[in-house]
C-alpha atoms as a PDB file:
ATOM      1  CA  MET A   1     123.500  45.776 128.018  1.00  0.00           C
ATOM      2  CA  LYS A   2     123.676  42.530 129.982  1.00  0.00           C
ATOM      3  CA  ARG A   3     126.154  39.698 129.611  1.00  0.00           C
ATOM      4  CA  LYS A   4     125.985  35.947 130.248  1.00  0.00           C
ATOM      5  CA  ASP A   5     128.692  33.308 130.049  1.00  0.00           C
ATOM      6  CA  TYR A   6     128.121  30.019 128.257  1.00  0.00           C
ATOM      7  CA  LYS A   7     130.426  27.027 128.755  1.00  0.00           C
ATOM      8  CA  CYS A   8     130.754  24.103 126.371  1.00  0.00           C
ATOM      9  CA  PRO A   9     130.849  20.740 128.208  1.00  0.00           C
ATOM     10  CA  GLU A  10     132.761  19.101 125.345  1.00  0.00           C
ATOM     11  CA  CYS A  11     135.734  21.435 124.836  1.00  0.00           C
ATOM     12  CA  GLY A  12     135.504  23.657 127.944  1.00  0.00           C
ATOM     13  CA  ASN A  13     135.366  26.867 125.888  1.00  0.00           C
ATOM     14  CA  VAL A  14     133.615  29.824 127.575  1.00  0.00           C
ATOM     15  CA  ASP A  15     131.772  32.319 125.357  1.00  0.00           C
ATOM     16  CA  GLU A  16     130.284  35.687 126.307  1.00  0.00           C
ATOM     17  CA  PHE A  17     126.821  36.506 125.026  1.00  0.00           C
ATOM     18  CA  TRP A  18     125.673  40.126 125.165  1.00  0.00           C
ATOM     19  CA  GLY A  19     122.044  41.241 124.994  1.00  0.00           C
ATOM     20  CA  GLU A  20     119.807  44.205 125.641  1.00  0.00           C
ATOM     21  CA  ASP A  21     118.478  44.797 129.151  1.00  0.00           C
ATOM     22  CA  THR A  22     115.119  43.362 128.100  1.00  0.00           C
ATOM     23  CA  CYS A  23     116.708  40.320 126.414  1.00  0.00           C
ATOM     24  CA  VAL A  24     115.783  36.810 127.576  1.00  0.00           C
ATOM     25  CA  PHE A  25     118.931  34.722 127.323  1.00  0.00           C
ATOM     26  CA  PRO A  26     118.603  31.270 125.742  1.00  0.00           C
ATOM     27  CA  GLU A  27     119.565  28.223 127.813  1.00  0.00           C
ATOM     28  CA  TYR A  28     121.995  27.037 125.105  1.00  0.00           C
ATOM     29  CA  ILE A  29     123.978  28.694 122.300  1.00  0.00           C
ATOM     30  CA  PRO A  30     126.317  27.101 119.726  1.00  0.00           C
ATOM     31  CA  CYS A  31     129.936  26.925 120.875  1.00  0.00           C
ATOM     32  CA  THR A  32     132.196  29.120 118.744  1.00  0.00           C
ATOM     33  CA  LYS A  33     135.025  26.589 118.968  1.00  0.00           C
ATOM     34  CA  CYS A  34     133.413  23.174 118.349  1.00  0.00           C
ATOM     35  CA  SER A  35     129.773  24.027 117.432  1.00  0.00           C
ATOM     36  CA  ASN A  36     128.324  21.876 120.240  1.00  0.00           C
ATOM     37  CA  ARG A  37     125.718  23.258 122.630  1.00  0.00           C
ATOM     38  CA  ALA A  38     127.188  25.604 125.245  1.00  0.00           C
ATOM     39  CA  LYS A  39     125.119  25.893 128.433  1.00  0.00           C
ATOM     40  CA  LYS A  40     124.455  29.115 130.330  1.00  0.00           C
ATOM     41  CA  THR A  41     126.566  29.304 133.472  1.00  0.00           C
ATOM     42  CA  PHE A  42     125.846  31.147 136.685  1.00  0.00           C
ATOM     43  CA  ALA A  43     128.559  32.966 138.567  1.00  0.00           C
ATOM     44  CA  PRO A  44     128.281  34.413 142.050  1.00  0.00           C
ATOM     45  CA  THR A  45     127.793  38.147 142.245  1.00  0.00           C
ATOM     46  CA  PRO A  46     131.000  39.882 143.313  1.00  0.00           C
ATOM     47  CA  SER A  47     130.923  41.480 146.739  1.00  0.00           C
ATOM     48  CA  ILE A  48     130.829  45.259 146.784  1.00  0.00           C
ATOM     49  CA  VAL A  49     130.432  45.755 150.537  1.00  0.00           C
ATOM     50  CA  HIS A  50     133.609  46.098 152.549  1.00  0.00           C
ATOM     51  CA  GLN A  51     134.247  46.808 156.203  1.00  0.00           C
ATOM     52  CA  GLY A  52     135.267  50.371 156.781  1.00  0.00           C
ATOM     53  CA  LYS A  53     135.574  52.834 159.594  1.00  0.00           C
ATOM     54  CA  ALA A  54     132.443  52.983 161.725  1.00  0.00           C
ATOM     55  CA  GLY A  55     133.504  55.887 163.884  1.00  0.00           C
ATOM     56  CA  ASN A  56     132.627  59.538 163.799  1.00  0.00           C
ATOM     57  CA  TYR A  57     134.323  62.849 164.457  1.00  0.00           C
ATOM     58  CA  LYS A  58     133.940  62.446 168.258  1.00  0.00           C
ATOM     59  CA  ASN A  59     136.112  59.316 168.399  1.00  0.00           C
ATOM     60  CA  GLY A  60     138.528  60.250 165.609  1.00  0.00           C
ATOM     61  CA  TYR A  61     136.989  57.958 162.985  1.00  0.00           C
ATOM     62  CA  VAL A  62     138.345  54.797 164.548  1.00  0.00           C
ATOM     63  CA  SER A  63     136.557  51.534 164.066  1.00  0.00           C
ATOM     64  CA  SER A  64     133.589  50.884 166.253  1.00  0.00           C
ATOM     65  CA  PRO A  65     134.016  48.383 169.108  1.00  0.00           C
ATOM     66  CA  VAL A  66     131.067  46.422 167.756  1.00  0.00           C
ATOM     67  CA  ALA A  67     131.482  43.897 164.957  1.00  0.00           C
ATOM     68  CA  ILE A  68     130.503  45.017 161.476  1.00  0.00           C
ATOM     69  CA  LYS A  69     129.091  42.328 159.224  1.00  0.00           C
ATOM     70  CA  LYS A  70     131.192  41.674 156.143  1.00  0.00           C
ATOM     71  CA  SER A  71     129.589  40.354 153.009  1.00  0.00           C
END
């Protein structure tokens, strides 16, 4: 299942719309609060990469002296 958020420009209400993985989400859905057209919103993907220890057993698992890119 996939999820998209839709925000109504009139009242500011945000609705969740769930669909199957093969579902094509519509650009607009009716707002559940005021029945106006709520537009699909896009949110940034949350980061799942974090800086960790870059060492190994020879240096005691301390961070590497080189910079590790964070995303």
